[in-house]
Amino acid sequence: MRLDVHTGPSIPDAVWLAPDIQTAIENWDFGLASRLIRERAGLRQDDMAFMTGLSQSFLSMLEAGSRRLTNLDKAARFLQGIGTPEALLAPPFRQSTAVAAAAIGTTHAGSGPGPHDTLPATHGATDLNELAAQAAAQSLHFADEITKTNVSDVELAVLESTLTQIATDYVHAPLHTVFTNLVKTRDHLFSLLNGRQPLAQTRELFLLTGTSCLLLAHASQNLGDEDAAIAQLQTAWTFAEQADHNDLRAWAKGTAALIAEWSTRRQTALDYTRQASQLSPGGETRIRIAAIEARAAARIGDRTTAMAALEDLQRAREQKPAPDALTRFGGLLTFPEAKQEYYIGGTFALLGEHHLAEKHAMAAIELYENGPKEHRSYGDEALARLDIATARIGAGELEGAGEQLQPILELPADRRIRQLGDAMHAVARLLQEPQLARSPVARDLADATRGYQSIGTRMKALTP
């Protein structure tokens, strides 16, 4: 007995007697079976493609061994198309058990097996062996459905590598380039999540997508668009929840605190850091949260909280990071010693302790200058120089302040993040204080810093 055969090319009965063909079918090596059958039947690949409904390109790869036919539905169609005798068929494909017809039942694209999907029936069996064969076919069919995926582990690794490169580039590359690459990567991740994959792959996609939105939140903040930054953070938090990833949750809350700190909602920043602390597993993530809390407290004049946060930062330096921490992406998603020193210096600058501010800011600049070029953050380094300039203006060392301001004035326009513009304007106001009115150096510096344009302000000036 045979399955129905398509009209057109056919395979002589004698071909099925060949032991090597029988062994190939028995071992589900359909690529080898296809090649051996064609050779003995005198058929071309396009003949076999016509009979089986497979594309010639897929059939070519199947016969070459670079592709496998593991899908139960497609395997059934392949065997049916070439007219395989039932005696050579494995139980899931035998017509006598009604499995072959049921196994080719339709499923809903983009979803797993549902209540309306067709599975091999388990009723009407005449003996226990037949029932076992039907149950086996059901299990194979269901397992095949829930393991279908539109993304490979290799592609997931490539996407992680892409985000790692973007996070690394972020600290030293022009913001426009970084933003464009981020949007492109995020859109690709969105398209994959619209498909279907096993739960483990879906969870990894949630993490990667949430990380891309976290980076977009930082980029939006650096452009001065707080609303866009908050929207990206809300999305990142949603994906962190779906991935059940605590480090991504902690980074999202920490970034929310960072955005609030640079806005008028400075008390809110402290609330976010406390929420982030409860989520943080330790290591650089914990250091970052403590650093943000210290600086946010200093901005509102809360010296007690600021100093307590700096003590927490020192303790966090001794903690080990979580094994799945976002620091694996590197770049912006790390909090190295240079960045730590910059935040400590910024905290003391806001508290008016200019000697300590300059000490830690100089340490940050030295670490950035002597570290790897790809880890050198032009934004943090420039802000550290502004802290030194502020300290020196307060001490009346105007020449020394000018030395620190000069590299910032020469910074290319596409690297002038919004925070840098705000800090430069604060320095410009200091230089116009009444006690400096008679100083020609102060006037020259004030003229040089007045009207300093950052990325955000320059872009908004061009908006109708």
Protein backbone atom coordinates (compact mmCIF):
# COMPACT_ATOMS: atom_id res chain seq x y z
CA MET A 1 0.00 0.00 0.00
CA ARG A 2 1.28 3.53 -0.82
CA LEU A 3 0.43 7.08 0.00
CA ASP A 4 -1.12 9.06 -2.86
CA VAL A 5 1.39 9.94 -5.57
CA HIS A 6 1.46 13.18 -7.59
CA THR A 7 1.06 12.88 -11.35
CA GLY A 8 4.22 13.46 -13.32
CA PRO A 9 7.61 11.85 -12.55
CA SER A 10 7.40 8.53 -10.74
CA ILE A 11 9.72 6.10 -9.00
CA PRO A 12 9.90 2.43 -10.19
CA ASP A 13 8.97 -0.21 -7.62
CA ALA A 14 12.42 -1.82 -7.86
CA VAL A 15 14.05 1.30 -6.39
CA TRP A 16 12.43 0.67 -3.00
CA LEU A 17 14.14 -2.73 -2.74
CA ALA A 18 17.60 -1.14 -2.39
CA PRO A 19 18.89 -1.75 1.20
CA ASP A 20 20.71 1.62 1.36
CA ILE A 21 17.50 3.48 0.48
CA GLN A 22 15.53 1.51 3.08
CA THR A 23 18.19 2.28 5.71
CA ALA A 24 18.18 6.00 4.85
CA ILE A 25 14.39 6.21 5.24
CA GLU A 26 14.53 4.16 8.45
CA ASN A 27 17.12 6.62 9.87
CA TRP A 28 15.09 9.66 8.71
CA ASP A 29 18.06 10.69 6.56
CA PHE A 30 15.82 12.19 3.87
CA GLY A 31 18.66 14.01 2.11
CA LEU A 32 20.54 10.78 1.48
CA ALA A 33 17.30 9.00 0.57
CA SER A 34 16.44 11.70 -1.98
CA ARG A 35 19.84 11.50 -3.66
CA LEU A 36 19.89 7.68 -3.81
CA ILE A 37 16.31 7.50 -5.13
CA ARG A 38 17.05 10.06 -7.87
CA GLU A 39 20.17 8.22 -8.97
CA ARG A 40 18.38 4.89 -9.26
CA ALA A 41 15.19 6.33 -10.80
CA GLY A 42 17.05 8.61 -13.23
CA LEU A 43 15.34 11.75 -11.94
CA ARG A 44 16.56 15.35 -11.72
CA GLN A 45 16.36 17.53 -8.64
CA ASP A 46 13.55 19.57 -10.15
CA ASP A 47 11.59 16.30 -10.71
CA MET A 48 11.97 15.45 -7.03
CA ALA A 49 11.09 19.03 -6.05
CA PHE A 50 7.88 18.77 -8.12
CA MET A 51 6.91 15.50 -6.46
CA THR A 52 7.59 16.59 -2.89
CA GLY A 53 6.56 20.25 -3.02
CA LEU A 54 9.98 21.33 -1.71
CA SER A 55 11.94 24.05 -3.46
CA GLN A 56 14.88 22.89 -5.56
CA SER A 57 17.26 25.05 -3.54
CA PHE A 58 16.10 23.47 -0.27
CA LEU A 59 16.28 20.00 -1.80
CA SER A 60 19.82 20.70 -2.98
CA MET A 61 20.89 21.70 0.53
CA LEU A 62 19.03 18.70 1.96
CA GLU A 63 20.93 16.29 -0.28
CA ALA A 64 24.23 18.07 0.46
CA GLY A 65 23.65 17.60 4.19
CA SER A 66 23.59 21.33 5.02
CA ARG A 67 19.87 21.22 5.89
CA ARG A 68 17.78 18.65 7.73
CA LEU A 69 14.11 17.77 7.32
CA THR A 70 13.02 17.61 10.96
CA ASN A 71 9.55 19.13 10.68
CA LEU A 72 7.01 16.30 10.98
CA ASP A 73 4.57 17.88 8.52
CA LYS A 74 7.21 18.44 5.84
CA ALA A 75 8.65 14.95 6.34
CA ALA A 76 5.19 13.46 5.84
CA ARG A 77 4.69 15.48 2.64
CA PHE A 78 8.12 14.40 1.38
CA LEU A 79 7.38 10.69 1.92
CA GLN A 80 3.89 11.05 0.51
CA GLY A 81 5.13 12.92 -2.56
CA ILE A 82 7.65 10.28 -3.61
CA GLY A 83 5.15 7.46 -3.01
CA THR A 84 7.03 5.67 -0.24
CA PRO A 85 5.65 2.14 0.39
CA GLU A 86 3.94 1.92 3.77
CA ALA A 87 6.16 -0.96 4.79
CA LEU A 88 9.10 1.49 4.87
CA LEU A 89 7.28 4.17 6.83
CA ALA A 90 7.82 4.83 10.53
CA PRO A 91 4.63 4.56 12.66
CA PRO A 92 3.88 8.32 12.65
CA PHE A 93 3.64 8.25 8.84
CA ARG A 94 1.64 5.05 8.29
CA GLN A 95 -1.69 5.51 6.56
CA SER A 96 -3.25 2.55 8.37
CA THR A 97 -3.11 4.43 11.70
CA ALA A 98 -4.54 7.60 10.12
CA VAL A 99 -1.51 9.44 11.52
CA ALA A 100 -0.13 10.80 8.26
CA ALA A 101 -3.30 12.72 7.45
CA ALA A 102 -3.68 14.05 10.97
CA ALA A 103 -0.01 15.03 11.22
CA ILE A 104 -0.38 17.33 8.24
CA GLY A 105 -3.14 19.27 10.01
CA THR A 106 -3.01 23.04 9.89
CA THR A 107 -1.59 25.23 12.67
CA HIS A 108 -1.94 28.92 13.25
CA ALA A 109 1.05 30.90 12.01
CA GLY A 110 2.91 32.82 14.67
CA SER A 111 1.52 30.84 17.64
CA GLY A 112 2.02 27.55 19.39
CA PRO A 113 -0.40 24.63 19.28
CA GLY A 114 -3.83 25.80 20.31
CA PRO A 115 -7.19 24.18 21.02
CA HIS A 116 -8.17 24.35 17.34
CA ASP A 117 -4.92 22.82 15.95
CA THR A 118 -5.23 19.37 14.42
CA LEU A 119 -3.36 16.64 16.28
CA PRO A 120 -3.25 12.90 15.59
CA ALA A 121 -6.39 11.32 17.04
CA THR A 122 -6.14 8.82 19.87
CA HIS A 123 -9.59 7.29 19.51
CA GLY A 124 -10.56 4.31 17.45
CA ALA A 125 -7.37 2.35 18.15
CA THR A 126 -7.89 -1.44 17.83
CA ASP A 127 -4.99 -2.48 20.08
CA LEU A 128 -2.47 -1.03 22.53
CA ASN A 129 0.39 -0.89 19.99
CA GLU A 130 -1.74 1.22 17.64
CA LEU A 131 -2.68 3.55 20.52
CA ALA A 132 1.03 3.88 21.42
CA ALA A 133 1.88 4.85 17.84
CA GLN A 134 -0.86 7.46 17.80
CA ALA A 135 0.27 8.90 21.16
CA ALA A 136 3.86 9.04 19.92
CA ALA A 137 2.78 10.94 16.80
CA GLN A 138 0.86 13.41 18.98
CA SER A 139 3.90 14.03 21.16
CA LEU A 140 6.20 14.52 18.18
CA HIS A 141 3.75 16.89 16.53
CA PHE A 142 3.25 19.00 19.66
CA ALA A 143 7.00 19.16 20.41
CA ASP A 144 7.65 20.21 16.83
CA GLU A 145 5.13 23.04 17.10
CA ILE A 146 6.36 24.54 20.37
CA THR A 147 10.03 24.46 19.29
CA LYS A 148 9.49 26.30 16.02
CA THR A 149 11.52 29.51 15.98
CA ASN A 150 12.18 32.48 13.75
CA VAL A 151 15.58 33.17 15.36
CA SER A 152 18.66 31.00 15.78
CA ASP A 153 21.06 30.99 18.72
CA VAL A 154 23.69 32.33 16.33
CA GLU A 155 21.50 35.33 15.47
CA LEU A 156 20.91 36.00 19.17
CA ALA A 157 24.65 36.00 19.74
CA VAL A 158 25.12 38.41 16.82
CA LEU A 159 22.46 40.76 18.22
CA GLU A 160 24.13 40.74 21.63
CA SER A 161 27.45 41.50 19.95
CA THR A 162 25.83 44.39 18.05
CA LEU A 163 24.45 45.92 21.27
CA THR A 164 27.85 45.45 22.91
CA GLN A 165 29.49 47.40 20.10
CA ILE A 166 26.87 50.17 20.33
CA ALA A 167 27.27 50.43 24.12
CA THR A 168 31.05 50.63 23.67
CA ASP A 169 30.82 53.19 20.86
CA TYR A 170 28.35 55.28 22.86
CA VAL A 171 30.96 56.83 25.15
CA HIS A 172 33.20 58.14 22.37
CA ALA A 173 31.26 58.21 19.07
CA PRO A 174 28.99 60.99 17.74
CA LEU A 175 25.49 60.65 19.18
CA HIS A 176 23.78 60.72 15.76
CA THR A 177 25.60 57.57 14.62
CA VAL A 178 24.88 55.74 17.87
CA PHE A 179 21.20 56.72 17.81
CA THR A 180 20.73 55.55 14.21
CA ASN A 181 22.34 52.16 14.89
CA LEU A 182 20.29 51.73 18.06
CA VAL A 183 16.97 52.36 16.32
CA LYS A 184 17.87 49.92 13.55
CA THR A 185 18.82 47.20 16.05
CA ARG A 186 15.74 47.79 18.20
CA ASP A 187 13.44 47.56 15.15
CA HIS A 188 15.01 44.23 14.18
CA LEU A 189 14.44 42.93 17.73
CA PHE A 190 10.80 44.09 17.57
CA SER A 191 10.29 42.17 14.31
CA LEU A 192 11.71 38.98 15.84
CA LEU A 193 9.46 39.27 18.89
CA ASN A 194 6.48 39.49 16.54
CA GLY A 195 7.34 35.96 15.41
CA ARG A 196 7.50 32.76 17.42
CA GLN A 197 10.32 31.11 19.34
CA PRO A 198 10.82 28.88 22.40
CA LEU A 199 10.45 30.57 25.78
CA ALA A 200 14.19 30.70 26.51
CA GLN A 201 14.85 32.55 23.24
CA THR A 202 11.90 34.87 23.83
CA ARG A 203 13.26 35.79 27.24
CA GLU A 204 16.67 36.59 25.74
CA LEU A 205 14.98 38.73 23.08
CA PHE A 206 13.12 40.60 25.84
CA LEU A 207 16.44 41.33 27.56
CA LEU A 208 18.14 42.50 24.37
CA THR A 209 15.17 44.67 23.37
CA GLY A 210 14.93 46.19 26.86
CA THR A 211 18.66 46.95 26.75
CA SER A 212 18.30 48.70 23.39
CA CYS A 213 15.48 50.86 24.80
CA LEU A 214 17.59 51.63 27.89
CA LEU A 215 20.38 52.90 25.63
CA LEU A 216 17.84 54.92 23.63
CA ALA A 217 16.67 56.49 26.89
CA HIS A 218 20.23 57.66 27.59
CA ALA A 219 20.58 58.96 24.04
CA SER A 220 17.28 60.84 24.28
CA GLN A 221 18.37 62.41 27.56
CA ASN A 222 21.70 63.46 26.03
CA LEU A 223 19.69 65.18 23.29
CA GLY A 224 17.71 67.02 25.95
CA ASP A 225 14.40 65.30 25.17
CA GLU A 226 13.21 64.22 28.61
CA ASP A 227 9.78 63.02 27.43
CA ALA A 228 11.32 60.68 24.86
CA ALA A 229 13.82 59.42 27.43
CA ILE A 230 11.06 58.59 29.92
CA ALA A 231 9.02 56.79 27.23
CA GLN A 232 12.05 54.65 26.33
CA LEU A 233 12.60 53.89 30.02
CA GLN A 234 9.00 52.78 30.47
CA THR A 235 9.47 50.40 27.55
CA ALA A 236 12.77 49.12 28.95
CA TRP A 237 11.06 48.46 32.29
CA THR A 238 8.27 46.51 30.55
CA PHE A 239 10.83 44.27 28.86
CA ALA A 240 12.76 43.88 32.12
CA GLU A 241 9.56 42.61 33.72
CA GLN A 242 8.92 40.20 30.84
CA ALA A 243 12.51 38.93 30.99
CA ASP A 244 12.38 38.88 34.82
CA HIS A 245 15.83 40.49 34.81
CA ASN A 246 16.70 42.36 38.01
CA ASP A 247 19.81 44.09 36.70
CA LEU A 248 17.85 45.60 33.81
CA ARG A 249 15.19 46.71 36.31
CA ALA A 250 17.88 48.34 38.47
CA TRP A 251 19.48 50.11 35.49
CA ALA A 252 16.09 51.41 34.36
CA LYS A 253 15.34 52.85 37.82
CA GLY A 254 18.86 54.25 38.08
CA THR A 255 18.54 55.96 34.71
CA ALA A 256 15.17 57.38 35.77
CA ALA A 257 16.97 58.87 38.79
CA LEU A 258 19.66 60.29 36.50
CA ILE A 259 17.06 61.99 34.30
CA ALA A 260 15.23 63.42 37.33
CA GLU A 261 18.52 64.66 38.80
CA TRP A 262 19.24 66.80 35.74
CA SER A 263 15.65 68.15 35.77
CA THR A 264 13.74 70.21 38.32
CA ARG A 265 12.43 67.02 40.00
CA ARG A 266 15.54 66.41 42.09
CA GLN A 267 13.77 64.93 45.12
CA THR A 268 12.22 62.34 42.81
CA ALA A 269 15.73 61.28 41.82
CA LEU A 270 16.38 60.14 45.40
CA ASP A 271 13.16 58.12 45.41
CA TYR A 272 14.26 56.32 42.23
CA THR A 273 17.72 55.53 43.63
CA ARG A 274 16.15 53.93 46.70
CA GLN A 275 13.93 51.77 44.49
CA ALA A 276 16.95 50.85 42.36
CA SER A 277 18.98 49.90 45.45
CA GLN A 278 16.38 47.30 46.39
CA LEU A 279 16.70 45.73 42.93
CA SER A 280 20.45 46.00 42.46
CA PRO A 281 22.33 42.69 42.77
CA GLY A 282 25.66 44.40 43.56
CA GLY A 283 28.86 45.24 41.74
CA GLU A 284 29.05 48.15 39.29
CA THR A 285 25.27 48.49 39.15
CA ARG A 286 25.19 49.13 42.91
CA ILE A 287 28.13 51.55 42.65
CA ARG A 288 26.31 53.48 39.94
CA ILE A 289 23.13 53.83 42.01
CA ALA A 290 25.08 55.06 45.05
CA ALA A 291 26.94 57.59 42.88
CA ILE A 292 23.71 58.94 41.39
CA GLU A 293 22.15 59.17 44.86
CA ALA A 294 25.16 61.07 46.22
CA ARG A 295 25.11 63.65 43.44
CA ALA A 296 21.30 64.00 43.50
CA ALA A 297 21.38 64.64 47.24
CA ALA A 298 24.16 67.19 46.82
CA ARG A 299 22.08 69.07 44.22
CA ILE A 300 19.38 69.73 46.82
CA GLY A 301 21.94 70.56 49.54
CA ASP A 302 21.41 67.34 51.54
CA ARG A 303 25.01 66.77 52.66
CA THR A 304 24.13 64.00 55.14
CA THR A 305 22.44 61.84 52.49
CA ALA A 306 25.18 62.62 49.96
CA MET A 307 27.97 61.51 52.30
CA ALA A 308 26.06 58.38 53.32
CA ALA A 309 25.66 57.51 49.65
CA LEU A 310 29.42 57.95 49.07
CA GLU A 311 30.05 55.53 51.95
CA ASP A 312 27.62 53.08 50.30
CA LEU A 313 29.60 53.52 47.07
CA GLN A 314 32.81 52.50 48.82
CA ARG A 315 31.14 49.39 50.26
CA ALA A 316 29.69 48.49 46.85
CA ARG A 317 33.21 48.51 45.39
CA GLU A 318 33.89 45.35 47.39
CA GLN A 319 30.79 43.50 46.16
CA LYS A 320 30.78 41.03 43.29
CA PRO A 321 28.53 41.70 40.27
CA ALA A 322 25.61 39.45 39.38
CA PRO A 323 26.47 36.74 36.80
CA ASP A 324 23.88 38.15 34.37
CA ALA A 325 24.69 41.84 34.96
CA LEU A 326 24.28 44.28 32.08
CA THR A 327 27.97 45.13 32.43
CA ARG A 328 28.59 42.28 29.99
CA PHE A 329 27.58 44.74 27.24
CA GLY A 330 30.41 47.09 28.26
CA GLY A 331 30.76 50.77 27.40
CA LEU A 332 27.91 52.91 28.69
CA LEU A 333 26.51 49.95 30.62
CA THR A 334 29.54 49.80 32.90
CA PHE A 335 30.59 52.08 35.74
CA PRO A 336 34.41 52.01 35.76
CA GLU A 337 36.71 53.72 38.25
CA ALA A 338 37.12 56.80 36.04
CA LYS A 339 33.36 57.35 36.03
CA GLN A 340 33.16 56.74 39.77
CA GLU A 341 35.78 59.42 40.42
CA TYR A 342 33.90 61.85 38.15
CA TYR A 343 30.67 61.36 40.14
CA ILE A 344 32.47 61.71 43.48
CA GLY A 345 34.10 64.91 42.26
CA GLY A 346 30.75 66.21 41.02
CA THR A 347 29.18 65.51 44.42
CA PHE A 348 31.86 67.51 46.26
CA ALA A 349 31.60 70.33 43.70
CA LEU A 350 27.87 70.65 44.39
CA LEU A 351 28.55 70.61 48.15
CA GLY A 352 31.01 73.47 47.70
CA GLU A 353 34.03 71.42 48.78
CA HIS A 354 36.17 72.53 45.86
CA HIS A 355 39.48 71.00 46.94
CA LEU A 356 37.99 67.49 47.08
CA ALA A 357 36.02 68.16 43.92
CA GLU A 358 39.17 68.99 41.98
CA LYS A 359 41.07 66.05 43.46
CA HIS A 360 38.52 63.47 42.30
CA ALA A 361 37.80 65.19 38.97
CA MET A 362 41.53 65.23 38.14
CA ALA A 363 41.71 61.52 39.04
CA ALA A 364 38.82 60.84 36.64
CA ILE A 365 40.50 62.75 33.78
CA GLU A 366 43.82 60.98 34.36
CA LEU A 367 42.13 57.57 34.33
CA TYR A 368 40.29 58.41 31.10
CA GLU A 369 43.44 59.77 29.42
CA ASN A 370 45.53 56.74 30.35
CA GLY A 371 42.85 54.12 29.74
CA PRO A 372 41.78 52.41 26.50
CA LYS A 373 40.69 54.89 23.84
CA GLU A 374 37.37 53.10 23.28
CA HIS A 375 36.51 53.49 26.98
CA ARG A 376 37.19 57.23 27.09
CA SER A 377 33.93 59.06 27.70
CA TYR A 378 34.14 62.51 26.14
CA GLY A 379 30.98 63.60 27.99
CA ASP A 380 32.10 62.58 31.48
CA GLU A 381 35.61 63.91 30.91
CA ALA A 382 34.27 67.29 29.77
CA LEU A 383 31.91 67.50 32.76
CA ALA A 384 34.79 66.63 35.10
CA ARG A 385 36.77 69.52 33.60
CA LEU A 386 33.82 71.81 34.26
CA ASP A 387 33.84 70.73 37.93
CA ILE A 388 37.53 71.68 38.10
CA ALA A 389 36.85 74.99 36.36
CA THR A 390 34.07 75.71 38.86
CA ALA A 391 36.39 74.94 41.77
CA ARG A 392 39.13 77.17 40.39
CA ILE A 393 36.75 80.07 39.73
CA GLY A 394 35.61 79.78 43.34
CA ALA A 395 39.25 79.91 44.47
CA GLY A 396 39.99 82.88 42.17
CA GLU A 397 42.31 80.83 39.92
CA LEU A 398 40.88 82.11 36.64
CA GLU A 399 43.86 81.18 34.48
CA GLY A 400 43.60 77.58 35.70
CA ALA A 401 39.86 77.60 35.03
CA GLY A 402 40.50 78.73 31.45
CA GLU A 403 42.86 75.78 30.89
CA GLN A 404 40.04 73.37 31.74
CA LEU A 405 37.42 75.24 29.71
CA GLN A 406 39.43 75.37 26.50
CA PRO A 407 39.07 71.63 25.54
CA ILE A 408 35.32 71.91 26.13
CA LEU A 409 35.01 74.99 23.93
CA GLU A 410 36.87 73.08 21.19
CA LEU A 411 34.66 69.98 21.47
CA PRO A 412 32.93 69.21 18.12
CA ALA A 413 29.26 70.22 18.00
CA ASP A 414 28.04 66.61 17.59
CA ARG A 415 29.65 65.68 20.94
CA ARG A 416 28.14 68.49 23.01
CA ILE A 417 25.52 66.58 24.95
CA ARG A 418 22.70 68.54 26.59
CA GLN A 419 24.09 68.12 30.13
CA LEU A 420 27.33 69.71 28.97
CA GLY A 421 25.45 72.76 27.71
CA ASP A 422 23.61 73.17 31.02
CA ALA A 423 26.84 72.89 33.04
CA MET A 424 28.65 75.38 30.76
CA HIS A 425 25.86 77.91 31.21
CA ALA A 426 26.23 77.56 35.00
CA VAL A 427 29.96 78.34 34.68
CA ALA A 428 29.16 81.34 32.47
CA ARG A 429 26.90 82.69 35.21
CA LEU A 430 29.69 82.29 37.79
CA LEU A 431 32.07 84.30 35.61
CA GLN A 432 29.58 87.18 35.62
CA GLU A 433 29.41 87.47 39.40
CA PRO A 434 29.96 91.08 40.65
CA GLN A 435 33.27 90.25 42.39
CA LEU A 436 34.77 89.28 39.01
CA ALA A 437 33.50 92.30 37.09
CA ARG A 438 36.92 94.01 36.98
CA SER A 439 38.85 90.95 35.86
CA PRO A 440 39.72 90.96 32.13
CA VAL A 441 40.35 87.19 32.27
CA ALA A 442 36.87 86.62 33.70
CA ARG A 443 35.35 88.83 30.98
CA ASP A 444 37.18 86.92 28.23
CA LEU A 445 36.09 83.58 29.64
CA ALA A 446 32.52 84.80 30.06
CA ASP A 447 32.47 85.93 26.42
CA ALA A 448 33.84 82.54 25.31
CA THR A 449 31.29 80.52 27.28
CA ARG A 450 28.28 82.76 26.69
CA GLY A 451 25.83 81.19 24.22
CA TYR A 452 27.56 77.79 24.26
CA GLN A 453 25.38 75.52 22.12
CA SER A 454 24.78 71.85 22.96
CA ILE A 455 23.20 69.24 20.68
CA GLY A 456 19.73 69.64 22.16
CA THR A 457 19.59 73.43 22.17
CA ARG A 458 21.04 73.68 18.68
CA MET A 459 18.53 71.18 17.28
CA LYS A 460 15.58 72.90 18.98
CA ALA A 461 16.70 76.26 17.62
CA LEU A 462 16.26 74.85 14.12
CA THR A 463 12.74 73.62 14.83
CA PRO A 464 9.97 75.87 13.40
